[in-house]
Amino acid sequence: LDSVLETCDADPWVCGSSFSLAECLAAPWVQRFFVILPHYRNIDVQQLLRPKTSRWMSALRSRPSVAASVSPPDAMIAINSKYYVKFLTPGSPAFV
């Protein structure tokens, strides 16, 4: 993703200056990454990202239409608990 975003220079989106279908499809997954991975795997997503990917994900998460569509973190964790229980990492908040 970072190499694709390299071609965008200062534009925040995958296809340049326009919010595209690529962002629409990625938004729910990006939203989940920042809730599910820290909770179940004790992973700080922001620390793993390359600079352009970090900028893109921040722009995506802060876009009003995306922010308005996000589920509350507690609801995301509750809904996903049956799927991720096999992948708990010791030390993560879910590992009790």
PDB file of N, CA and C in Angstrom:
ATOM      1  N   LEU A   1       0.829  -1.181   0.000  1.00  0.00           N
ATOM      2  CA  LEU A   1       0.000   0.000   0.000  1.00  0.00           C
ATOM      3  C   LEU A   1       0.877   1.250   0.000  1.00  0.00           C
ATOM      4  N   ASP A   2       1.947   1.202   0.767  1.00  0.00           N
ATOM      5  CA  ASP A   2       2.815   2.372   0.840  1.00  0.00           C
ATOM      6  C   ASP A   2       3.384   2.728  -0.540  1.00  0.00           C
ATOM      7  N   SER A   3       3.722   1.720  -1.336  1.00  0.00           N
ATOM      8  CA  SER A   3       4.271   2.006  -2.672  1.00  0.00           C
ATOM      9  C   SER A   3       3.208   2.605  -3.597  1.00  0.00           C
ATOM     10  N   VAL A   4       1.954   2.181  -3.451  1.00  0.00           N
ATOM     11  CA  VAL A   4       0.863   2.779  -4.233  1.00  0.00           C
ATOM     12  C   VAL A   4       0.679   4.231  -3.815  1.00  0.00           C
ATOM     13  N   LEU A   5       0.713   4.468  -2.521  1.00  0.00           N
ATOM     14  CA  LEU A   5       0.530   5.822  -2.006  1.00  0.00           C
ATOM     15  C   LEU A   5       1.698   6.742  -2.352  1.00  0.00           C
ATOM     16  N   GLU A   6       2.864   6.180  -2.628  1.00  0.00           N
ATOM     17  CA  GLU A   6       4.022   6.977  -3.048  1.00  0.00           C
ATOM     18  C   GLU A   6       3.705   7.789  -4.302  1.00  0.00           C
ATOM     19  N   THR A   7       2.895   7.226  -5.177  1.00  0.00           N
ATOM     20  CA  THR A   7       2.569   7.903  -6.437  1.00  0.00           C
ATOM     21  C   THR A   7       1.585   9.051  -6.246  1.00  0.00           C
ATOM     22  N   CYS A   8       1.003   9.131  -5.059  1.00  0.00           N
ATOM     23  CA  CYS A   8      -0.021  10.143  -4.802  1.00  0.00           C
ATOM     24  C   CYS A   8       0.556  11.465  -4.317  1.00  0.00           C
ATOM     25  N   ASP A   9       1.841  11.514  -4.021  1.00  0.00           N
ATOM     26  CA  ASP A   9       2.495  12.710  -3.485  1.00  0.00           C
ATOM     27  C   ASP A   9       1.743  13.259  -2.288  1.00  0.00           C
ATOM     28  N   ALA A  10       1.179  14.454  -2.414  1.00  0.00           N
ATOM     29  CA  ALA A  10       0.511  15.096  -1.271  1.00  0.00           C
ATOM     30  C   ALA A  10      -0.956  14.704  -1.139  1.00  0.00           C
ATOM     31  N   ASP A  11      -1.491  14.012  -2.128  1.00  0.00           N
ATOM     32  CA  ASP A  11      -2.901  13.618  -2.074  1.00  0.00           C
ATOM     33  C   ASP A  11      -3.099  12.524  -1.034  1.00  0.00           C
ATOM     34  N   PRO A  12      -4.185  12.589  -0.277  1.00  0.00           N
ATOM     35  CA  PRO A  12      -4.365  11.617   0.803  1.00  0.00           C
ATOM     36  C   PRO A  12      -4.961  10.282   0.384  1.00  0.00           C
ATOM     37  N   TRP A  13      -5.525  10.173  -0.807  1.00  0.00           N
ATOM     38  CA  TRP A  13      -6.278   8.971  -1.166  1.00  0.00           C
ATOM     39  C   TRP A  13      -5.532   8.095  -2.158  1.00  0.00           C
ATOM     40  N   VAL A  14      -5.934   6.833  -2.231  1.00  0.00           N
ATOM     41  CA  VAL A  14      -5.283   5.859  -3.107  1.00  0.00           C
ATOM     42  C   VAL A  14      -5.320   6.318  -4.572  1.00  0.00           C
ATOM     43  N   CYS A  15      -6.425   6.909  -4.983  1.00  0.00           N
ATOM     44  CA  CYS A  15      -6.569   7.355  -6.375  1.00  0.00           C
ATOM     45  C   CYS A  15      -6.275   8.846  -6.544  1.00  0.00           C
ATOM     46  N   GLY A  16      -5.530   9.416  -5.630  1.00  0.00           N
ATOM     47  CA  GLY A  16      -5.166  10.826  -5.747  1.00  0.00           C
ATOM     48  C   GLY A  16      -5.971  11.715  -4.831  1.00  0.00           C
ATOM     49  N   SER A  17      -6.532  12.757  -5.394  1.00  0.00           N
ATOM     50  CA  SER A  17      -7.219  13.752  -4.566  1.00  0.00           C
ATOM     51  C   SER A  17      -8.681  13.398  -4.280  1.00  0.00           C
ATOM     52  N   SER A  18      -9.187  12.326  -4.886  1.00  0.00           N
ATOM     53  CA  SER A  18     -10.595  11.952  -4.710  1.00  0.00           C
ATOM     54  C   SER A  18     -10.752  10.719  -3.827  1.00  0.00           C
ATOM     55  N   PHE A  19     -11.641  10.825  -2.861  1.00  0.00           N
ATOM     56  CA  PHE A  19     -12.037   9.674  -2.053  1.00  0.00           C
ATOM     57  C   PHE A  19     -12.686   8.679  -3.007  1.00  0.00           C
ATOM     58  N   SER A  20     -12.249   7.429  -2.981  1.00  0.00           N
ATOM     59  CA  SER A  20     -12.676   6.473  -4.006  1.00  0.00           C
ATOM     60  C   SER A  20     -13.305   5.217  -3.413  1.00  0.00           C
ATOM     61  N   LEU A  21     -13.705   4.335  -4.298  1.00  0.00           N
ATOM     62  CA  LEU A  21     -14.242   3.042  -3.897  1.00  0.00           C
ATOM     63  C   LEU A  21     -13.206   2.264  -3.083  1.00  0.00           C
ATOM     64  N   ALA A  22     -11.930   2.459  -3.372  1.00  0.00           N
ATOM     65  CA  ALA A  22     -10.878   1.777  -2.599  1.00  0.00           C
ATOM     66  C   ALA A  22     -10.991   2.131  -1.118  1.00  0.00           C
ATOM     67  N   GLU A  23     -11.196   3.398  -0.821  1.00  0.00           N
ATOM     68  CA  GLU A  23     -11.351   3.823   0.573  1.00  0.00           C
ATOM     69  C   GLU A  23     -12.655   3.315   1.172  1.00  0.00           C
ATOM     70  N   CYS A  24     -13.723   3.331   0.385  1.00  0.00           N
ATOM     71  CA  CYS A  24     -15.014   2.828   0.871  1.00  0.00           C
ATOM     72  C   CYS A  24     -14.906   1.363   1.283  1.00  0.00           C
ATOM     73  N   LEU A  25     -14.193   0.572   0.496  1.00  0.00           N
ATOM     74  CA  LEU A  25     -14.048  -0.850   0.792  1.00  0.00           C
ATOM     75  C   LEU A  25     -13.097  -1.102   1.956  1.00  0.00           C
ATOM     76  N   ALA A  26     -12.084  -0.263   2.099  1.00  0.00           N
ATOM     77  CA  ALA A  26     -11.082  -0.456   3.151  1.00  0.00           C
ATOM     78  C   ALA A  26     -11.525   0.080   4.507  1.00  0.00           C
ATOM     79  N   ALA A  27     -12.391   1.073   4.527  1.00  0.00           N
ATOM     80  CA  ALA A  27     -12.751   1.766   5.773  1.00  0.00           C
ATOM     81  C   ALA A  27     -13.193   0.832   6.901  1.00  0.00           C
ATOM     82  N   PRO A  28     -14.116  -0.105   6.664  1.00  0.00           N
ATOM     83  CA  PRO A  28     -14.526  -0.968   7.781  1.00  0.00           C
ATOM     84  C   PRO A  28     -13.376  -1.800   8.347  1.00  0.00           C
ATOM     85  N   TRP A  29     -12.475  -2.229   7.478  1.00  0.00           N
ATOM     86  CA  TRP A  29     -11.334  -3.031   7.930  1.00  0.00           C
ATOM     87  C   TRP A  29     -10.350  -2.187   8.721  1.00  0.00           C
ATOM     88  N   VAL A  30     -10.095  -0.992   8.241  1.00  0.00           N
ATOM     89  CA  VAL A  30      -9.187  -0.092   8.948  1.00  0.00           C
ATOM     90  C   VAL A  30      -9.757   0.224  10.325  1.00  0.00           C
ATOM     91  N   GLN A  31     -11.045   0.500  10.384  1.00  0.00           N
ATOM     92  CA  GLN A  31     -11.681   0.778  11.679  1.00  0.00           C
ATOM     93  C   GLN A  31     -11.494  -0.398  12.633  1.00  0.00           C
ATOM     94  N   ARG A  32     -11.679  -1.613  12.137  1.00  0.00           N
ATOM     95  CA  ARG A  32     -11.527  -2.811  12.976  1.00  0.00           C
ATOM     96  C   ARG A  32     -10.087  -2.997  13.436  1.00  0.00           C
ATOM     97  N   PHE A  33      -9.108  -2.750  12.548  1.00  0.00           N
ATOM     98  CA  PHE A  33      -7.699  -2.931  12.907  1.00  0.00           C
ATOM     99  C   PHE A  33      -7.347  -2.198  14.193  1.00  0.00           C
ATOM    100  N   PHE A  34      -7.840  -0.961  14.321  1.00  0.00           N
ATOM    101  CA  PHE A  34      -7.463  -0.126  15.451  1.00  0.00           C
ATOM    102  C   PHE A  34      -8.195  -0.488  16.745  1.00  0.00           C
ATOM    103  N   VAL A  35      -9.171  -1.373  16.670  1.00  0.00           N
ATOM    104  CA  VAL A  35      -9.882  -1.841  17.869  1.00  0.00           C
ATOM    105  C   VAL A  35      -9.528  -3.300  18.166  1.00  0.00           C
ATOM    106  N   ILE A  36      -9.650  -4.145  17.170  1.00  0.00           N
ATOM    107  CA  ILE A  36      -9.504  -5.589  17.365  1.00  0.00           C
ATOM    108  C   ILE A  36      -8.056  -6.004  17.636  1.00  0.00           C
ATOM    109  N   LEU A  37      -7.124  -5.509  16.854  1.00  0.00           N
ATOM    110  CA  LEU A  37      -5.725  -5.933  17.044  1.00  0.00           C
ATOM    111  C   LEU A  37      -5.157  -5.538  18.406  1.00  0.00           C
ATOM    112  N   PRO A  38      -5.392  -4.321  18.885  1.00  0.00           N
ATOM    113  CA  PRO A  38      -4.904  -4.025  20.241  1.00  0.00           C
ATOM    114  C   PRO A  38      -5.583  -4.882  21.312  1.00  0.00           C
ATOM    115  N   HIS A  39      -6.867  -5.114  21.149  1.00  0.00           N
ATOM    116  CA  HIS A  39      -7.621  -5.839  22.180  1.00  0.00           C
ATOM    117  C   HIS A  39      -7.255  -7.321  22.242  1.00  0.00           C
ATOM    118  N   TYR A  40      -7.191  -7.979  21.107  1.00  0.00           N
ATOM    119  CA  TYR A  40      -6.972  -9.427  21.096  1.00  0.00           C
ATOM    120  C   TYR A  40      -5.519  -9.839  20.921  1.00  0.00           C
ATOM    121  N   ARG A  41      -4.714  -8.996  20.276  1.00  0.00           N
ATOM    122  CA  ARG A  41      -3.324  -9.382  19.997  1.00  0.00           C
ATOM    123  C   ARG A  41      -2.293  -8.478  20.657  1.00  0.00           C
ATOM    124  N   ASN A  42      -2.754  -7.449  21.362  1.00  0.00           N
ATOM    125  CA  ASN A  42      -1.853  -6.500  22.024  1.00  0.00           C
ATOM    126  C   ASN A  42      -0.908  -5.839  21.005  1.00  0.00           C
ATOM    127  N   ILE A  43      -1.452  -5.511  19.847  1.00  0.00           N
ATOM    128  CA  ILE A  43      -0.675  -4.897  18.759  1.00  0.00           C
ATOM    129  C   ILE A  43      -1.042  -3.429  18.648  1.00  0.00           C
ATOM    130  N   ASP A  44      -0.038  -2.578  18.670  1.00  0.00           N
ATOM    131  CA  ASP A  44      -0.233  -1.152  18.436  1.00  0.00           C
ATOM    132  C   ASP A  44      -0.116  -0.932  16.927  1.00  0.00           C
ATOM    133  N   VAL A  45      -1.243  -0.851  16.259  1.00  0.00           N
ATOM    134  CA  VAL A  45      -1.282  -0.759  14.803  1.00  0.00           C
ATOM    135  C   VAL A  45      -0.469   0.434  14.305  1.00  0.00           C
ATOM    136  N   GLN A  46      -0.615   1.571  14.955  1.00  0.00           N
ATOM    137  CA  GLN A  46       0.058   2.792  14.498  1.00  0.00           C
ATOM    138  C   GLN A  46       1.570   2.614  14.434  1.00  0.00           C
ATOM    139  N   GLN A  47       2.148   1.855  15.353  1.00  0.00           N
ATOM    140  CA  GLN A  47       3.594   1.638  15.367  1.00  0.00           C
ATOM    141  C   GLN A  47       4.075   0.779  14.206  1.00  0.00           C
ATOM    142  N   LEU A  48       3.208  -0.038  13.649  1.00  0.00           N
ATOM    143  CA  LEU A  48       3.590  -0.944  12.563  1.00  0.00           C
ATOM    144  C   LEU A  48       3.507  -0.320  11.177  1.00  0.00           C
ATOM    145  N   LEU A  49       2.817   0.797  11.072  1.00  0.00           N
ATOM    146  CA  LEU A  49       2.531   1.374   9.761  1.00  0.00           C
ATOM    147  C   LEU A  49       3.703   2.155   9.196  1.00  0.00           C
ATOM    148  N   ARG A  50       3.844   2.072   7.893  1.00  0.00           N
ATOM    149  CA  ARG A  50       4.820   2.912   7.192  1.00  0.00           C
ATOM    150  C   ARG A  50       4.216   4.316   7.081  1.00  0.00           C
ATOM    151  N   PRO A  51       5.026   5.332   6.863  1.00  0.00           N
ATOM    152  CA  PRO A  51       4.548   6.719   6.902  1.00  0.00           C
ATOM    153  C   PRO A  51       3.355   7.034   5.998  1.00  0.00           C
ATOM    154  N   LYS A  52       3.403   6.641   4.747  1.00  0.00           N
ATOM    155  CA  LYS A  52       2.303   6.970   3.825  1.00  0.00           C
ATOM    156  C   LYS A  52       1.037   6.205   4.189  1.00  0.00           C
ATOM    157  N   THR A  53       1.195   4.962   4.601  1.00  0.00           N
ATOM    158  CA  THR A  53       0.036   4.169   5.019  1.00  0.00           C
ATOM    159  C   THR A  53      -0.573   4.755   6.281  1.00  0.00           C
ATOM    160  N   SER A  54       0.259   5.206   7.195  1.00  0.00           N
ATOM    161  CA  SER A  54      -0.220   5.839   8.409  1.00  0.00           C
ATOM    162  C   SER A  54      -1.015   7.101   8.085  1.00  0.00           C
ATOM    163  N   ARG A  55      -0.488   7.914   7.179  1.00  0.00           N
ATOM    164  CA  ARG A  55      -1.184   9.144   6.786  1.00  0.00           C
ATOM    165  C   ARG A  55      -2.526   8.826   6.133  1.00  0.00           C
ATOM    166  N   TRP A  56      -2.544   7.804   5.262  1.00  0.00           N
ATOM    167  CA  TRP A  56      -3.771   7.403   4.577  1.00  0.00           C
ATOM    168  C   TRP A  56      -4.814   6.899   5.578  1.00  0.00           C
ATOM    169  N   MET A  57      -4.384   6.028   6.507  1.00  0.00           N
ATOM    170  CA  MET A  57      -5.327   5.495   7.488  1.00  0.00           C
ATOM    171  C   MET A  57      -5.854   6.600   8.404  1.00  0.00           C
ATOM    172  N   SER A  58      -5.017   7.545   8.763  1.00  0.00           N
ATOM    173  CA  SER A  58      -5.473   8.670   9.592  1.00  0.00           C
ATOM    174  C   SER A  58      -6.486   9.520   8.841  1.00  0.00           C
ATOM    175  N   ALA A  59      -6.201   9.802   7.567  1.00  0.00           N
ATOM    176  CA  ALA A  59      -7.141  10.580   6.753  1.00  0.00           C
ATOM    177  C   ALA A  59      -8.462   9.826   6.594  1.00  0.00           C
ATOM    178  N   LEU A  60      -8.362   8.528   6.382  1.00  0.00           N
ATOM    179  CA  LEU A  60      -9.559   7.701   6.220  1.00  0.00           C
ATOM    180  C   LEU A  60     -10.400   7.699   7.492  1.00  0.00           C
ATOM    181  N   ARG A  61      -9.777   7.466   8.624  1.00  0.00           N
ATOM    182  CA  ARG A  61     -10.506   7.386   9.892  1.00  0.00           C
ATOM    183  C   ARG A  61     -11.101   8.730  10.300  1.00  0.00           C
ATOM    184  N   SER A  62     -10.482   9.831   9.878  1.00  0.00           N
ATOM    185  CA  SER A  62     -10.989  11.147  10.285  1.00  0.00           C
ATOM    186  C   SER A  62     -11.985  11.739   9.286  1.00  0.00           C
ATOM    187  N   ARG A  63     -12.168  11.094   8.152  1.00  0.00           N
ATOM    188  CA  ARG A  63     -13.169  11.583   7.194  1.00  0.00           C
ATOM    189  C   ARG A  63     -14.552  11.504   7.853  1.00  0.00           C
ATOM    190  N   PRO A  64     -15.343  12.574   7.809  1.00  0.00           N
ATOM    191  CA  PRO A  64     -16.642  12.584   8.506  1.00  0.00           C
ATOM    192  C   PRO A  64     -17.561  11.410   8.159  1.00  0.00           C
ATOM    193  N   SER A  65     -17.644  11.043   6.894  1.00  0.00           N
ATOM    194  CA  SER A  65     -18.544   9.938   6.520  1.00  0.00           C
ATOM    195  C   SER A  65     -18.069   8.603   7.085  1.00  0.00           C
ATOM    196  N   VAL A  66     -16.772   8.425   7.187  1.00  0.00           N
ATOM    197  CA  VAL A  66     -16.219   7.189   7.756  1.00  0.00           C
ATOM    198  C   VAL A  66     -16.395   7.203   9.271  1.00  0.00           C
ATOM    199  N   ALA A  67     -16.062   8.320   9.893  1.00  0.00           N
ATOM    200  CA  ALA A  67     -16.195   8.431  11.348  1.00  0.00           C
ATOM    201  C   ALA A  67     -17.642   8.215  11.791  1.00  0.00           C
ATOM    202  N   ALA A  68     -18.588   8.675  10.995  1.00  0.00           N
ATOM    203  CA  ALA A  68     -20.008   8.526  11.334  1.00  0.00           C
ATOM    204  C   ALA A  68     -20.478   7.073  11.217  1.00  0.00           C
ATOM    205  N   SER A  69     -19.746   6.264  10.472  1.00  0.00           N
ATOM    206  CA  SER A  69     -20.175   4.885  10.251  1.00  0.00           C
ATOM    207  C   SER A  69     -19.525   3.878  11.191  1.00  0.00           C
ATOM    208  N   VAL A  70     -18.619   4.326  12.029  1.00  0.00           N
ATOM    209  CA  VAL A  70     -17.886   3.395  12.887  1.00  0.00           C
ATOM    210  C   VAL A  70     -18.772   2.870  14.013  1.00  0.00           C
ATOM    211  N   SER A  71     -18.617   1.594  14.308  1.00  0.00           N
ATOM    212  CA  SER A  71     -19.314   0.987  15.436  1.00  0.00           C
ATOM    213  C   SER A  71     -18.563   1.350  16.711  1.00  0.00           C
ATOM    214  N   PRO A  72     -19.260   1.446  17.837  1.00  0.00           N
ATOM    215  CA  PRO A  72     -18.565   1.687  19.102  1.00  0.00           C
ATOM    216  C   PRO A  72     -17.573   0.543  19.374  1.00  0.00           C
ATOM    217  N   PRO A  73     -16.391   0.847  19.902  1.00  0.00           N
ATOM    218  CA  PRO A  73     -15.395  -0.204  20.148  1.00  0.00           C
ATOM    219  C   PRO A  73     -15.930  -1.383  20.967  1.00  0.00           C
ATOM    220  N   ASP A  74     -16.708  -1.111  22.009  1.00  0.00           N
ATOM    221  CA  ASP A  74     -17.252  -2.214  22.818  1.00  0.00           C
ATOM    222  C   ASP A  74     -18.129  -3.137  21.991  1.00  0.00           C
ATOM    223  N   ALA A  75     -18.896  -2.573  21.084  1.00  0.00           N
ATOM    224  CA  ALA A  75     -19.757  -3.385  20.216  1.00  0.00           C
ATOM    225  C   ALA A  75     -18.909  -4.216  19.247  1.00  0.00           C
ATOM    226  N   MET A  76     -17.851  -3.613  18.700  1.00  0.00           N
ATOM    227  CA  MET A  76     -16.965  -4.350  17.799  1.00  0.00           C
ATOM    228  C   MET A  76     -16.320  -5.537  18.511  1.00  0.00           C
ATOM    229  N   ILE A  77     -15.854  -5.296  19.720  1.00  0.00           N
ATOM    230  CA  ILE A  77     -15.213  -6.367  20.497  1.00  0.00           C
ATOM    231  C   ILE A  77     -16.217  -7.468  20.810  1.00  0.00           C
ATOM    232  N   ALA A  78     -17.395  -7.110  21.230  1.00  0.00           N
ATOM    233  CA  ALA A  78     -18.419  -8.107  21.563  1.00  0.00           C
ATOM    234  C   ALA A  78     -18.800  -8.947  20.350  1.00  0.00           C
ATOM    235  N   ILE A  79     -18.995  -8.295  19.223  1.00  0.00           N
ATOM    236  CA  ILE A  79     -19.397  -9.010  18.006  1.00  0.00           C
ATOM    237  C   ILE A  79     -18.300  -9.954  17.527  1.00  0.00           C
ATOM    238  N   ASN A  80     -17.053  -9.541  17.673  1.00  0.00           N
ATOM    239  CA  ASN A  80     -15.941 -10.336  17.152  1.00  0.00           C
ATOM    240  C   ASN A  80     -15.373 -11.334  18.154  1.00  0.00           C
ATOM    241  N   SER A  81     -15.860 -11.335  19.367  1.00  0.00           N
ATOM    242  CA  SER A  81     -15.261 -12.189  20.399  1.00  0.00           C
ATOM    243  C   SER A  81     -15.288 -13.673  20.037  1.00  0.00           C
ATOM    244  N   LYS A  82     -16.326 -14.141  19.408  1.00  0.00           N
ATOM    245  CA  LYS A  82     -16.380 -15.574  19.075  1.00  0.00           C
ATOM    246  C   LYS A  82     -15.408 -15.956  17.961  1.00  0.00           C
ATOM    247  N   TYR A  83     -14.990 -14.976  17.155  1.00  0.00           N
ATOM    248  CA  TYR A  83     -14.067 -15.264  16.062  1.00  0.00           C
ATOM    249  C   TYR A  83     -12.607 -15.192  16.497  1.00  0.00           C
ATOM    250  N   TYR A  84     -12.287 -14.283  17.396  1.00  0.00           N
ATOM    251  CA  TYR A  84     -10.890 -14.020  17.721  1.00  0.00           C
ATOM    252  C   TYR A  84     -10.417 -14.689  19.000  1.00  0.00           C
ATOM    253  N   VAL A  85     -11.287 -15.375  19.688  1.00  0.00           N
ATOM    254  CA  VAL A  85     -10.904 -15.979  20.952  1.00  0.00           C
ATOM    255  C   VAL A  85      -9.755 -16.981  20.776  1.00  0.00           C
ATOM    256  N   LYS A  86      -9.617 -17.581  19.630  1.00  0.00           N
ATOM    257  CA  LYS A  86      -8.534 -18.536  19.368  1.00  0.00           C
ATOM    258  C   LYS A  86      -7.196 -17.845  19.138  1.00  0.00           C
ATOM    259  N   PHE A  87      -7.216 -16.546  18.933  1.00  0.00           N
ATOM    260  CA  PHE A  87      -6.008 -15.826  18.551  1.00  0.00           C
ATOM    261  C   PHE A  87      -5.522 -14.854  19.625  1.00  0.00           C
ATOM    262  N   LEU A  88      -5.891 -15.095  20.863  1.00  0.00           N
ATOM    263  CA  LEU A  88      -5.495 -14.199  21.944  1.00  0.00           C
ATOM    264  C   LEU A  88      -3.992 -14.246  22.163  1.00  0.00           C
ATOM    265  N   THR A  89      -3.427 -13.115  22.465  1.00  0.00           N
ATOM    266  CA  THR A  89      -2.021 -13.015  22.793  1.00  0.00           C
ATOM    267  C   THR A  89      -1.905 -12.751  24.290  1.00  0.00           C
ATOM    268  N   PRO A  90      -1.089 -13.525  24.985  1.00  0.00           N
ATOM    269  CA  PRO A  90      -0.889 -13.248  26.408  1.00  0.00           C
ATOM    270  C   PRO A  90      -0.479 -11.780  26.603  1.00  0.00           C
ATOM    271  N   GLY A  91      -1.083 -11.147  27.576  1.00  0.00           N
ATOM    272  CA  GLY A  91      -0.806  -9.742  27.864  1.00  0.00           C
ATOM    273  C   GLY A  91      -1.783  -8.792  27.208  1.00  0.00           C
ATOM    274  N   SER A  92      -2.591  -9.298  26.261  1.00  0.00           N
ATOM    275  CA  SER A  92      -3.584  -8.437  25.620  1.00  0.00           C
ATOM    276  C   SER A  92      -4.757  -8.230  26.565  1.00  0.00           C
ATOM    277  N   PRO A  93      -5.517  -7.136  26.409  1.00  0.00           N
ATOM    278  CA  PRO A  93      -6.654  -6.894  27.288  1.00  0.00           C
ATOM    279  C   PRO A  93      -7.671  -8.036  27.308  1.00  0.00           C
ATOM    280  N   ALA A  94      -7.815  -8.762  26.213  1.00  0.00           N
ATOM    281  CA  ALA A  94      -8.799  -9.839  26.155  1.00  0.00           C
ATOM    282  C   ALA A  94      -8.318 -11.117  26.835  1.00  0.00           C
ATOM    283  N   PHE A  95      -7.020 -11.202  27.093  1.00  0.00           N
ATOM    284  CA  PHE A  95      -6.435 -12.417  27.674  1.00  0.00           C
ATOM    285  C   PHE A  95      -6.563 -12.341  29.196  1.00  0.00           C
ATOM    286  N   VAL A  96      -7.616 -12.947  29.695  1.00  0.00           N
ATOM    287  CA  VAL A  96      -7.831 -12.955  31.159  1.00  0.00           C
ATOM    288  C   VAL A  96      -8.081 -14.350  31.648  1.00  0.00           C
TER     289      VAL A  96
END
